[in-house]
């Protein structure tokens, strides 16, 4: 809310940097530990 076009573009690009984390063992293991919200059976299945 309140972001102009440039600020919104930067925010999306920052998200992309987070999403495209290095696929090494450490980062993959850390990412795999995250649980979705709500952590019900169907959401957990999606995350898996």
ModelCIF file with pLDDT and N, C-alpha, C, O atoms, coordinates in Angstrom:
data_MODEL
#
_entry.id   MODEL 
#
_entity.id                         1 
_entity.type                       polymer 
_entity.pdbx_number_of_molecules   1 
#
_entity_poly.entity_id                      1 
_entity_poly.type                           'polypeptide(L)' 
_entity_poly.nstd_linkage                   no 
_entity_poly.nstd_monomer                   no 
_entity_poly.pdbx_seq_one_letter_code       
;(UNK)(UNK)(UNK)(UNK)(UNK)(UNK)(UNK)(UNK)(UNK)(UNK)(UNK)(UNK)(UNK)(UNK)(UNK)(UNK)
(UNK)(UNK)(UNK)(UNK)(UNK)(UNK)(UNK)(UNK)(UNK)(UNK)(UNK)(UNK)(UNK)(UNK)(UNK)(UNK)
(UNK)(UNK)(UNK)(UNK)(UNK)(UNK)(UNK)(UNK)(UNK)(UNK)(UNK)(UNK)(UNK)(UNK)(UNK)(UNK)
;
_entity_poly.pdbx_seq_one_letter_code_can   XXXXXXXXXXXXXXXXXXXXXXXXXXXXXXXXXXXXXXXXXXXXXXXX 
_entity_poly.pdbx_strand_id                 A 
#
loop_
_entity_poly_seq.entity_id 
_entity_poly_seq.num 
_entity_poly_seq.mon_id 
_entity_poly_seq.hetero 
1 1  UNK n 
1 2  UNK n 
1 3  UNK n 
1 4  UNK n 
1 5  UNK n 
1 6  UNK n 
1 7  UNK n 
1 8  UNK n 
1 9  UNK n 
1 10 UNK n 
1 11 UNK n 
1 12 UNK n 
1 13 UNK n 
1 14 UNK n 
1 15 UNK n 
1 16 UNK n 
1 17 UNK n 
1 18 UNK n 
1 19 UNK n 
1 20 UNK n 
1 21 UNK n 
1 22 UNK n 
1 23 UNK n 
1 24 UNK n 
1 25 UNK n 
1 26 UNK n 
1 27 UNK n 
1 28 UNK n 
1 29 UNK n 
1 30 UNK n 
1 31 UNK n 
1 32 UNK n 
1 33 UNK n 
1 34 UNK n 
1 35 UNK n 
1 36 UNK n 
1 37 UNK n 
1 38 UNK n 
1 39 UNK n 
1 40 UNK n 
1 41 UNK n 
1 42 UNK n 
1 43 UNK n 
1 44 UNK n 
1 45 UNK n 
1 46 UNK n 
1 47 UNK n 
1 48 UNK n 
#
_struct_asym.id          A 
_struct_asym.entity_id   1 
#
loop_
_ma_qa_metric.id 
_ma_qa_metric.mode 
_ma_qa_metric.name 
_ma_qa_metric.software_group_id 
_ma_qa_metric.type 
1 global pLDDT . pLDDT 
2 local  pLDDT . pLDDT 
#
_ma_qa_metric_global.metric_id      1 
_ma_qa_metric_global.metric_value   94.96 
_ma_qa_metric_global.model_id       1 
_ma_qa_metric_global.ordinal_id     1 
#
loop_
_ma_qa_metric_local.label_asym_id 
_ma_qa_metric_local.label_comp_id 
_ma_qa_metric_local.label_seq_id 
_ma_qa_metric_local.metric_id 
_ma_qa_metric_local.metric_value 
_ma_qa_metric_local.model_id 
_ma_qa_metric_local.ordinal_id 
A UNK 1  2 96.00 1 1  
A UNK 2  2 96.00 1 2  
A UNK 3  2 97.00 1 3  
A UNK 4  2 97.00 1 4  
A UNK 5  2 97.00 1 5  
A UNK 6  2 96.00 1 6  
A UNK 7  2 97.00 1 7  
A UNK 8  2 97.00 1 8  
A UNK 9  2 96.00 1 9  
A UNK 10 2 97.00 1 10 
A UNK 11 2 97.00 1 11 
A UNK 12 2 97.00 1 12 
A UNK 13 2 96.00 1 13 
A UNK 14 2 96.00 1 14 
A UNK 15 2 95.00 1 15 
A UNK 16 2 96.00 1 16 
A UNK 17 2 95.00 1 17 
A UNK 18 2 95.00 1 18 
A UNK 19 2 96.00 1 19 
A UNK 20 2 96.00 1 20 
A UNK 21 2 96.00 1 21 
A UNK 22 2 96.00 1 22 
A UNK 23 2 96.00 1 23 
A UNK 24 2 96.00 1 24 
A UNK 25 2 96.00 1 25 
A UNK 26 2 96.00 1 26 
A UNK 27 2 96.00 1 27 
A UNK 28 2 96.00 1 28 
A UNK 29 2 96.00 1 29 
A UNK 30 2 96.00 1 30 
A UNK 31 2 97.00 1 31 
A UNK 32 2 96.00 1 32 
A UNK 33 2 96.00 1 33 
A UNK 34 2 96.00 1 34 
A UNK 35 2 95.00 1 35 
A UNK 36 2 93.00 1 36 
A UNK 37 2 88.00 1 37 
A UNK 38 2 87.00 1 38 
A UNK 39 2 90.00 1 39 
A UNK 40 2 89.00 1 40 
A UNK 41 2 90.00 1 41 
A UNK 42 2 90.00 1 42 
A UNK 43 2 92.00 1 43 
A UNK 44 2 93.00 1 44 
A UNK 45 2 94.00 1 45 
A UNK 46 2 94.00 1 46 
A UNK 47 2 96.00 1 47 
A UNK 48 2 97.00 1 48 
#
loop_
_atom_site.group_PDB 
_atom_site.id 
_atom_site.type_symbol 
_atom_site.label_atom_id 
_atom_site.label_alt_id 
_atom_site.label_comp_id 
_atom_site.label_asym_id 
_atom_site.label_entity_id 
_atom_site.label_seq_id 
_atom_site.pdbx_PDB_ins_code 
_atom_site.Cartn_x 
_atom_site.Cartn_y 
_atom_site.Cartn_z 
_atom_site.occupancy 
_atom_site.B_iso_or_equiv 
_atom_site.pdbx_formal_charge 
_atom_site.auth_seq_id 
_atom_site.auth_comp_id 
_atom_site.auth_asym_id 
_atom_site.auth_atom_id 
_atom_site.pdbx_PDB_model_num 
ATOM 1   N N  . UNK A 1 1  ? 0.845  -1.196  0.000  1.00 96.00 ? 1  UNK A N  1 
ATOM 2   C CA . UNK A 1 1  ? 0.000  0.000   0.000  1.00 96.00 ? 1  UNK A CA 1 
ATOM 3   C C  . UNK A 1 1  ? 0.883  1.251   0.000  1.00 96.00 ? 1  UNK A C  1 
ATOM 4   O O  . UNK A 1 1  ? 1.755  1.401   0.855  1.00 96.00 ? 1  UNK A O  1 
ATOM 5   N N  . UNK A 1 2  ? 0.654  2.132   -0.949 1.00 96.00 ? 2  UNK A N  1 
ATOM 6   C CA . UNK A 1 2  ? 1.415  3.365   -1.026 1.00 96.00 ? 2  UNK A CA 1 
ATOM 7   C C  . UNK A 1 2  ? 2.661  3.280   -1.886 1.00 96.00 ? 2  UNK A C  1 
ATOM 8   O O  . UNK A 1 2  ? 3.313  4.300   -2.112 1.00 96.00 ? 2  UNK A O  1 
ATOM 9   N N  . UNK A 1 3  ? 3.018  2.086   -2.379 1.00 97.00 ? 3  UNK A N  1 
ATOM 10  C CA . UNK A 1 3  ? 4.195  1.947   -3.236 1.00 97.00 ? 3  UNK A CA 1 
ATOM 11  C C  . UNK A 1 3  ? 3.925  2.583   -4.593 1.00 97.00 ? 3  UNK A C  1 
ATOM 12  O O  . UNK A 1 3  ? 2.854  2.394   -5.169 1.00 97.00 ? 3  UNK A O  1 
ATOM 13  N N  . UNK A 1 4  ? 4.901  3.342   -5.107 1.00 97.00 ? 4  UNK A N  1 
ATOM 14  C CA . UNK A 1 4  ? 4.787  3.795   -6.490 1.00 97.00 ? 4  UNK A CA 1 
ATOM 15  C C  . UNK A 1 4  ? 5.316  2.693   -7.400 1.00 97.00 ? 4  UNK A C  1 
ATOM 16  O O  . UNK A 1 4  ? 5.725  1.632   -6.930 1.00 97.00 ? 4  UNK A O  1 
ATOM 17  N N  . UNK A 1 5  ? 5.307  2.954   -8.710 1.00 97.00 ? 5  UNK A N  1 
ATOM 18  C CA . UNK A 1 5  ? 5.687  1.911   -9.669 1.00 97.00 ? 5  UNK A CA 1 
ATOM 19  C C  . UNK A 1 5  ? 7.111  1.414   -9.425 1.00 97.00 ? 5  UNK A C  1 
ATOM 20  O O  . UNK A 1 5  ? 7.362  0.209   -9.441 1.00 97.00 ? 5  UNK A O  1 
ATOM 21  N N  . UNK A 1 6  ? 8.033  2.332   -9.199 1.00 96.00 ? 6  UNK A N  1 
ATOM 22  C CA . UNK A 1 6  ? 9.426  1.949   -9.007 1.00 96.00 ? 6  UNK A CA 1 
ATOM 23  C C  . UNK A 1 6  ? 9.614  1.134   -7.735 1.00 96.00 ? 6  UNK A C  1 
ATOM 24  O O  . UNK A 1 6  ? 10.331 0.133   -7.735 1.00 96.00 ? 6  UNK A O  1 
ATOM 25  N N  . UNK A 1 7  ? 8.971  1.560   -6.651 1.00 97.00 ? 7  UNK A N  1 
ATOM 26  C CA . UNK A 1 7  ? 9.102  0.848   -5.378 1.00 97.00 ? 7  UNK A CA 1 
ATOM 27  C C  . UNK A 1 7  ? 8.496  -0.545  -5.468 1.00 97.00 ? 7  UNK A C  1 
ATOM 28  O O  . UNK A 1 7  ? 9.033  -1.504  -4.913 1.00 97.00 ? 7  UNK A O  1 
ATOM 29  N N  . UNK A 1 8  ? 7.371  -0.647  -6.173 1.00 97.00 ? 8  UNK A N  1 
ATOM 30  C CA . UNK A 1 8  ? 6.730  -1.948  -6.331 1.00 97.00 ? 8  UNK A CA 1 
ATOM 31  C C  . UNK A 1 8  ? 7.609  -2.883  -7.144 1.00 97.00 ? 8  UNK A C  1 
ATOM 32  O O  . UNK A 1 8  ? 7.727  -4.066  -6.828 1.00 97.00 ? 8  UNK A O  1 
ATOM 33  N N  . UNK A 1 9  ? 8.227  -2.349  -8.195 1.00 96.00 ? 9  UNK A N  1 
ATOM 34  C CA . UNK A 1 9  ? 9.124  -3.171  -9.001 1.00 96.00 ? 9  UNK A CA 1 
ATOM 35  C C  . UNK A 1 9  ? 10.295 -3.689  -8.192 1.00 96.00 ? 9  UNK A C  1 
ATOM 36  O O  . UNK A 1 9  ? 10.686 -4.849  -8.328 1.00 96.00 ? 9  UNK A O  1 
ATOM 37  N N  . UNK A 1 10 ? 10.861 -2.830  -7.344 1.00 97.00 ? 10 UNK A N  1 
ATOM 38  C CA . UNK A 1 10 ? 11.984 -3.258  -6.496 1.00 97.00 ? 10 UNK A CA 1 
ATOM 39  C C  . UNK A 1 10 ? 11.542 -4.336  -5.515 1.00 97.00 ? 10 UNK A C  1 
ATOM 40  O O  . UNK A 1 10 ? 12.273 -5.295  -5.269 1.00 97.00 ? 10 UNK A O  1 
ATOM 41  N N  . UNK A 1 11 ? 10.345 -4.177  -4.956 1.00 97.00 ? 11 UNK A N  1 
ATOM 42  C CA . UNK A 1 11 ? 9.845  -5.154  -3.993 1.00 97.00 ? 11 UNK A CA 1 
ATOM 43  C C  . UNK A 1 11 ? 9.660  -6.521  -4.659 1.00 97.00 ? 11 UNK A C  1 
ATOM 44  O O  . UNK A 1 11 ? 10.017 -7.550  -4.086 1.00 97.00 ? 11 UNK A O  1 
ATOM 45  N N  . UNK A 1 12 ? 9.107  -6.521  -5.855 1.00 97.00 ? 12 UNK A N  1 
ATOM 46  C CA . UNK A 1 12 ? 8.929  -7.784  -6.580 1.00 97.00 ? 12 UNK A CA 1 
ATOM 47  C C  . UNK A 1 12 ? 10.284 -8.403  -6.909 1.00 97.00 ? 12 UNK A C  1 
ATOM 48  O O  . UNK A 1 12 ? 10.456 -9.616  -6.789 1.00 97.00 ? 12 UNK A O  1 
ATOM 49  N N  . UNK A 1 13 ? 11.238 -7.585  -7.320 1.00 96.00 ? 13 UNK A N  1 
ATOM 50  C CA . UNK A 1 13 ? 12.573 -8.107  -7.627 1.00 96.00 ? 13 UNK A CA 1 
ATOM 51  C C  . UNK A 1 13 ? 13.247 -8.694  -6.386 1.00 96.00 ? 13 UNK A C  1 
ATOM 52  O O  . UNK A 1 13 ? 13.950 -9.701  -6.478 1.00 96.00 ? 13 UNK A O  1 
ATOM 53  N N  . UNK A 1 14 ? 13.032 -8.067  -5.229 1.00 96.00 ? 14 UNK A N  1 
ATOM 54  C CA . UNK A 1 14 ? 13.584 -8.618  -3.984 1.00 96.00 ? 14 UNK A CA 1 
ATOM 55  C C  . UNK A 1 14 ? 12.958 -9.977  -3.674 1.00 96.00 ? 14 UNK A C  1 
ATOM 56  O O  . UNK A 1 14 ? 13.641 -10.898 -3.226 1.00 96.00 ? 14 UNK A O  1 
ATOM 57  N N  . UNK A 1 15 ? 11.658 -10.092 -3.916 1.00 95.00 ? 15 UNK A N  1 
ATOM 58  C CA . UNK A 1 15 ? 10.991 -11.378 -3.729 1.00 95.00 ? 15 UNK A CA 1 
ATOM 59  C C  . UNK A 1 15 ? 11.601 -12.439 -4.635 1.00 95.00 ? 15 UNK A C  1 
ATOM 60  O O  . UNK A 1 15 ? 11.817 -13.579 -4.223 1.00 95.00 ? 15 UNK A O  1 
ATOM 61  N N  . UNK A 1 16 ? 11.873 -12.047 -5.869 1.00 96.00 ? 16 UNK A N  1 
ATOM 62  C CA . UNK A 1 16 ? 12.458 -12.984 -6.827 1.00 96.00 ? 16 UNK A CA 1 
ATOM 63  C C  . UNK A 1 16 ? 13.832 -13.448 -6.356 1.00 96.00 ? 16 UNK A C  1 
ATOM 64  O O  . UNK A 1 16 ? 14.172 -14.624 -6.492 1.00 96.00 ? 16 UNK A O  1 
ATOM 65  N N  . UNK A 1 17 ? 14.617 -12.538 -5.806 1.00 95.00 ? 17 UNK A N  1 
ATOM 66  C CA . UNK A 1 17 ? 15.927 -12.919 -5.273 1.00 95.00 ? 17 UNK A CA 1 
ATOM 67  C C  . UNK A 1 17 ? 15.779 -13.962 -4.163 1.00 95.00 ? 17 UNK A C  1 
ATOM 68  O O  . UNK A 1 17 ? 16.563 -14.909 -4.091 1.00 95.00 ? 17 UNK A O  1 
ATOM 69  N N  . UNK A 1 18 ? 14.780 -13.789 -3.301 1.00 95.00 ? 18 UNK A N  1 
ATOM 70  C CA . UNK A 1 18 ? 14.539 -14.758 -2.230 1.00 95.00 ? 18 UNK A CA 1 
ATOM 71  C C  . UNK A 1 18 ? 14.109 -16.109 -2.809 1.00 95.00 ? 18 UNK A C  1 
ATOM 72  O O  . UNK A 1 18 ? 14.577 -17.160 -2.371 1.00 95.00 ? 18 UNK A O  1 
ATOM 73  N N  . UNK A 1 19 ? 13.222 -16.065 -3.789 1.00 96.00 ? 19 UNK A N  1 
ATOM 74  C CA . UNK A 1 19 ? 12.691 -17.288 -4.394 1.00 96.00 ? 19 UNK A CA 1 
ATOM 75  C C  . UNK A 1 19 ? 13.796 -18.093 -5.071 1.00 96.00 ? 19 UNK A C  1 
ATOM 76  O O  . UNK A 1 19 ? 13.834 -19.319 -4.963 1.00 96.00 ? 19 UNK A O  1 
ATOM 77  N N  . UNK A 1 20 ? 14.685 -17.408 -5.762 1.00 96.00 ? 20 UNK A N  1 
ATOM 78  C CA . UNK A 1 20 ? 15.735 -18.092 -6.506 1.00 96.00 ? 20 UNK A CA 1 
ATOM 79  C C  . UNK A 1 20 ? 16.986 -18.268 -5.646 1.00 96.00 ? 20 UNK A C  1 
ATOM 80  O O  . UNK A 1 20 ? 18.092 -17.906 -6.045 1.00 96.00 ? 20 UNK A O  1 
ATOM 81  N N  . UNK A 1 21 ? 16.782 -18.828 -4.466 1.00 96.00 ? 21 UNK A N  1 
ATOM 82  C CA . UNK A 1 21 ? 17.914 -19.076 -3.578 1.00 96.00 ? 21 UNK A CA 1 
ATOM 83  C C  . UNK A 1 21 ? 18.834 -20.137 -4.195 1.00 96.00 ? 21 UNK A C  1 
ATOM 84  O O  . UNK A 1 21 ? 18.376 -20.962 -4.985 1.00 96.00 ? 21 UNK A O  1 
ATOM 85  N N  . UNK A 1 22 ? 20.108 -20.122 -3.845 1.00 96.00 ? 22 UNK A N  1 
ATOM 86  C CA . UNK A 1 22 ? 21.044 -21.114 -4.399 1.00 96.00 ? 22 UNK A CA 1 
ATOM 87  C C  . UNK A 1 22 ? 20.609 -22.530 -4.026 1.00 96.00 ? 22 UNK A C  1 
ATOM 88  O O  . UNK A 1 22 ? 20.226 -22.797 -2.887 1.00 96.00 ? 22 UNK A O  1 
ATOM 89  N N  . UNK A 1 23 ? 20.676 -23.418 -4.989 1.00 96.00 ? 23 UNK A N  1 
ATOM 90  C CA . UNK A 1 23 ? 20.226 -24.792 -4.749 1.00 96.00 ? 23 UNK A CA 1 
ATOM 91  C C  . UNK A 1 23 ? 21.357 -25.676 -4.236 1.00 96.00 ? 23 UNK A C  1 
ATOM 92  O O  . UNK A 1 23 ? 21.613 -26.754 -4.772 1.00 96.00 ? 23 UNK A O  1 
ATOM 93  N N  . UNK A 1 24 ? 22.027 -25.201 -3.190 1.00 96.00 ? 24 UNK A N  1 
ATOM 94  C CA . UNK A 1 24 ? 23.016 -26.043 -2.529 1.00 96.00 ? 24 UNK A CA 1 
ATOM 95  C C  . UNK A 1 24 ? 22.339 -26.771 -1.370 1.00 96.00 ? 24 UNK A C  1 
ATOM 96  O O  . UNK A 1 24 ? 21.196 -26.476 -1.023 1.00 96.00 ? 24 UNK A O  1 
ATOM 97  N N  . UNK A 1 25 ? 23.051 -27.716 -0.782 1.00 96.00 ? 25 UNK A N  1 
ATOM 98  C CA . UNK A 1 25 ? 22.462 -28.564 0.256  1.00 96.00 ? 25 UNK A CA 1 
ATOM 99  C C  . UNK A 1 25 ? 21.962 -27.759 1.451  1.00 96.00 ? 25 UNK A C  1 
ATOM 100 O O  . UNK A 1 25 ? 20.889 -28.036 1.988  1.00 96.00 ? 25 UNK A O  1 
ATOM 101 N N  . UNK A 1 26 ? 22.739 -26.766 1.864  1.00 96.00 ? 26 UNK A N  1 
ATOM 102 C CA . UNK A 1 26 ? 22.361 -25.989 3.037  1.00 96.00 ? 26 UNK A CA 1 
ATOM 103 C C  . UNK A 1 26 ? 21.054 -25.228 2.810  1.00 96.00 ? 26 UNK A C  1 
ATOM 104 O O  . UNK A 1 26 ? 20.143 -25.290 3.636  1.00 96.00 ? 26 UNK A O  1 
ATOM 105 N N  . UNK A 1 27 ? 20.967 -24.522 1.703  1.00 96.00 ? 27 UNK A N  1 
ATOM 106 C CA . UNK A 1 27 ? 19.768 -23.725 1.438  1.00 96.00 ? 27 UNK A CA 1 
ATOM 107 C C  . UNK A 1 27 ? 18.553 -24.610 1.175  1.00 96.00 ? 27 UNK A C  1 
ATOM 108 O O  . UNK A 1 27 ? 17.446 -24.291 1.608  1.00 96.00 ? 27 UNK A O  1 
ATOM 109 N N  . UNK A 1 28 ? 18.755 -25.711 0.474  1.00 96.00 ? 28 UNK A N  1 
ATOM 110 C CA . UNK A 1 28 ? 17.637 -26.607 0.192  1.00 96.00 ? 28 UNK A CA 1 
ATOM 111 C C  . UNK A 1 28 ? 17.105 -27.230 1.481  1.00 96.00 ? 28 UNK A C  1 
ATOM 112 O O  . UNK A 1 28 ? 15.894 -27.371 1.647  1.00 96.00 ? 28 UNK A O  1 
ATOM 113 N N  . UNK A 1 29 ? 17.995 -27.599 2.385  1.00 96.00 ? 29 UNK A N  1 
ATOM 114 C CA . UNK A 1 29 ? 17.571 -28.187 3.660  1.00 96.00 ? 29 UNK A CA 1 
ATOM 115 C C  . UNK A 1 29 ? 16.800 -27.171 4.490  1.00 96.00 ? 29 UNK A C  1 
ATOM 116 O O  . UNK A 1 29 ? 15.790 -27.504 5.111  1.00 96.00 ? 29 UNK A O  1 
ATOM 117 N N  . UNK A 1 30 ? 17.283 -25.924 4.500  1.00 96.00 ? 30 UNK A N  1 
ATOM 118 C CA . UNK A 1 30 ? 16.613 -24.876 5.264  1.00 96.00 ? 30 UNK A CA 1 
ATOM 119 C C  . UNK A 1 30 ? 15.230 -24.596 4.694  1.00 96.00 ? 30 UNK A C  1 
ATOM 120 O O  . UNK A 1 30 ? 14.265 -24.435 5.441  1.00 96.00 ? 30 UNK A O  1 
ATOM 121 N N  . UNK A 1 31 ? 15.136 -24.538 3.361  1.00 97.00 ? 31 UNK A N  1 
ATOM 122 C CA . UNK A 1 31 ? 13.854 -24.261 2.720  1.00 97.00 ? 31 UNK A CA 1 
ATOM 123 C C  . UNK A 1 31 ? 12.857 -25.387 2.968  1.00 97.00 ? 31 UNK A C  1 
ATOM 124 O O  . UNK A 1 31 ? 11.670 -25.136 3.173  1.00 97.00 ? 31 UNK A O  1 
ATOM 125 N N  . UNK A 1 32 ? 13.336 -26.619 2.951  1.00 96.00 ? 32 UNK A N  1 
ATOM 126 C CA . UNK A 1 32 ? 12.456 -27.772 3.124  1.00 96.00 ? 32 UNK A CA 1 
ATOM 127 C C  . UNK A 1 32 ? 11.844 -27.838 4.514  1.00 96.00 ? 32 UNK A C  1 
ATOM 128 O O  . UNK A 1 32 ? 10.829 -28.507 4.707  1.00 96.00 ? 32 UNK A O  1 
ATOM 129 N N  . UNK A 1 33 ? 12.444 -27.154 5.487  1.00 96.00 ? 33 UNK A N  1 
ATOM 130 C CA . UNK A 1 33 ? 11.924 -27.174 6.857  1.00 96.00 ? 33 UNK A CA 1 
ATOM 131 C C  . UNK A 1 33 ? 10.717 -26.267 7.049  1.00 96.00 ? 33 UNK A C  1 
ATOM 132 O O  . UNK A 1 33 ? 9.987  -26.412 8.028  1.00 96.00 ? 33 UNK A O  1 
ATOM 133 N N  . UNK A 1 34 ? 10.501 -25.347 6.143  1.00 96.00 ? 34 UNK A N  1 
ATOM 134 C CA . UNK A 1 34 ? 9.381  -24.425 6.297  1.00 96.00 ? 34 UNK A CA 1 
ATOM 135 C C  . UNK A 1 34 ? 8.058  -25.173 6.226  1.00 96.00 ? 34 UNK A C  1 
ATOM 136 O O  . UNK A 1 34 ? 7.912  -26.143 5.483  1.00 96.00 ? 34 UNK A O  1 
ATOM 137 N N  . UNK A 1 35 ? 7.107  -24.705 7.010  1.00 95.00 ? 35 UNK A N  1 
ATOM 138 C CA . UNK A 1 35 ? 5.772  -25.291 6.988  1.00 95.00 ? 35 UNK A CA 1 
ATOM 139 C C  . UNK A 1 35 ? 4.789  -24.217 6.533  1.00 95.00 ? 35 UNK A C  1 
ATOM 140 O O  . UNK A 1 35 ? 4.970  -23.038 6.836  1.00 95.00 ? 35 UNK A O  1 
ATOM 141 N N  . UNK A 1 36 ? 3.753  -24.621 5.810  1.00 93.00 ? 36 UNK A N  1 
ATOM 142 C CA . UNK A 1 36 ? 2.768  -23.652 5.322  1.00 93.00 ? 36 UNK A CA 1 
ATOM 143 C C  . UNK A 1 36 ? 1.798  -23.251 6.413  1.00 93.00 ? 36 UNK A C  1 
ATOM 144 O O  . UNK A 1 36 ? 1.752  -23.877 7.472  1.00 93.00 ? 36 UNK A O  1 
ATOM 145 N N  . UNK A 1 37 ? 1.030  -22.217 6.160  1.00 88.00 ? 37 UNK A N  1 
ATOM 146 C CA . UNK A 1 37 ? 0.001  -21.784 7.094  1.00 88.00 ? 37 UNK A CA 1 
ATOM 147 C C  . UNK A 1 37 ? -1.334 -21.671 6.361  1.00 88.00 ? 37 UNK A C  1 
ATOM 148 O O  . UNK A 1 37 ? -1.410 -20.999 5.332  1.00 88.00 ? 37 UNK A O  1 
ATOM 149 N N  . UNK A 1 38 ? -2.368 -22.304 6.860  1.00 87.00 ? 38 UNK A N  1 
ATOM 150 C CA . UNK A 1 38 ? -2.387 -23.219 8.013  1.00 87.00 ? 38 UNK A CA 1 
ATOM 151 C C  . UNK A 1 38 ? -1.710 -24.536 7.660  1.00 87.00 ? 38 UNK A C  1 
ATOM 152 O O  . UNK A 1 38 ? -1.721 -24.955 6.503  1.00 87.00 ? 38 UNK A O  1 
ATOM 153 N N  . UNK A 1 39 ? -1.130 -25.176 8.641  1.00 90.00 ? 39 UNK A N  1 
ATOM 154 C CA . UNK A 1 39 ? -0.377 -26.402 8.382  1.00 90.00 ? 39 UNK A CA 1 
ATOM 155 C C  . UNK A 1 39 ? -1.270 -27.626 8.510  1.00 90.00 ? 39 UNK A C  1 
ATOM 156 O O  . UNK A 1 39 ? -0.996 -28.537 9.291  1.00 90.00 ? 39 UNK A O  1 
ATOM 157 N N  . UNK A 1 40 ? -2.355 -27.629 7.719  1.00 89.00 ? 40 UNK A N  1 
ATOM 158 C CA . UNK A 1 40 ? -3.226 -28.802 7.711  1.00 89.00 ? 40 UNK A CA 1 
ATOM 159 C C  . UNK A 1 40 ? -2.670 -29.827 6.730  1.00 89.00 ? 40 UNK A C  1 
ATOM 160 O O  . UNK A 1 40 ? -1.660 -29.582 6.070  1.00 89.00 ? 40 UNK A O  1 
ATOM 161 N N  . UNK A 1 41 ? -3.330 -30.968 6.639  1.00 90.00 ? 41 UNK A N  1 
ATOM 162 C CA . UNK A 1 41 ? -2.813 -32.068 5.821  1.00 90.00 ? 41 UNK A CA 1 
ATOM 163 C C  . UNK A 1 41 ? -2.698 -31.677 4.347  1.00 90.00 ? 41 UNK A C  1 
ATOM 164 O O  . UNK A 1 41 ? -1.705 -31.999 3.693  1.00 90.00 ? 41 UNK A O  1 
ATOM 165 N N  . UNK A 1 42 ? -3.721 -30.977 3.821  1.00 90.00 ? 42 UNK A N  1 
ATOM 166 C CA . UNK A 1 42 ? -3.702 -30.622 2.412  1.00 90.00 ? 42 UNK A CA 1 
ATOM 167 C C  . UNK A 1 42 ? -2.612 -29.596 2.101  1.00 90.00 ? 42 UNK A C  1 
ATOM 168 O O  . UNK A 1 42 ? -1.929 -29.701 1.082  1.00 90.00 ? 42 UNK A O  1 
ATOM 169 N N  . UNK A 1 43 ? -2.450 -28.600 2.984  1.00 92.00 ? 43 UNK A N  1 
ATOM 170 C CA . UNK A 1 43 ? -1.415 -27.588 2.772  1.00 92.00 ? 43 UNK A CA 1 
ATOM 171 C C  . UNK A 1 43 ? -0.026 -28.194 2.899  1.00 92.00 ? 43 UNK A C  1 
ATOM 172 O O  . UNK A 1 43 ? 0.884  -27.849 2.145  1.00 92.00 ? 43 UNK A O  1 
ATOM 173 N N  . UNK A 1 44 ? 0.132  -29.106 3.864  1.00 93.00 ? 44 UNK A N  1 
ATOM 174 C CA . UNK A 1 44 ? 1.415  -29.789 4.033  1.00 93.00 ? 44 UNK A CA 1 
ATOM 175 C C  . UNK A 1 44 ? 1.740  -30.621 2.800  1.00 93.00 ? 44 UNK A C  1 
ATOM 176 O O  . UNK A 1 44 ? 2.899  -30.727 2.400  1.00 93.00 ? 44 UNK A O  1 
ATOM 177 N N  . UNK A 1 45 ? 0.712  -31.210 2.202  1.00 94.00 ? 45 UNK A N  1 
ATOM 178 C CA . UNK A 1 45 ? 0.914  -31.998 0.982  1.00 94.00 ? 45 UNK A CA 1 
ATOM 179 C C  . UNK A 1 45 ? 1.365  -31.095 -0.161 1.00 94.00 ? 45 UNK A C  1 
ATOM 180 O O  . UNK A 1 45 ? 2.219  -31.476 -0.961 1.00 94.00 ? 45 UNK A O  1 
ATOM 181 N N  . UNK A 1 46 ? 0.789  -29.904 -0.232 1.00 94.00 ? 46 UNK A N  1 
ATOM 182 C CA . UNK A 1 46 ? 1.190  -28.940 -1.249 1.00 94.00 ? 46 UNK A CA 1 
ATOM 183 C C  . UNK A 1 46 ? 2.647  -28.529 -1.066 1.00 94.00 ? 46 UNK A C  1 
ATOM 184 O O  . UNK A 1 46 ? 3.406  -28.474 -2.034 1.00 94.00 ? 46 UNK A O  1 
ATOM 185 N N  . UNK A 1 47 ? 3.037  -28.239 0.173  1.00 96.00 ? 47 UNK A N  1 
ATOM 186 C CA . UNK A 1 47 ? 4.410  -27.841 0.458  1.00 96.00 ? 47 UNK A CA 1 
ATOM 187 C C  . UNK A 1 47 ? 5.387  -28.966 0.123  1.00 96.00 ? 47 UNK A C  1 
ATOM 188 O O  . UNK A 1 47 ? 6.459  -28.723 -0.432 1.00 96.00 ? 47 UNK A O  1 
ATOM 189 N N  . UNK A 1 48 ? 5.010  -30.197 0.463  1.00 97.00 ? 48 UNK A N  1 
ATOM 190 C CA . UNK A 1 48 ? 5.874  -31.341 0.167  1.00 97.00 ? 48 UNK A CA 1 
ATOM 191 C C  . UNK A 1 48 ? 6.025  -31.543 -1.337 1.00 97.00 ? 48 UNK A C  1 
ATOM 192 O O  . UNK A 1 48 ? 6.719  -32.463 -1.770 1.00 97.00 ? 48 UNK A O  1 
#
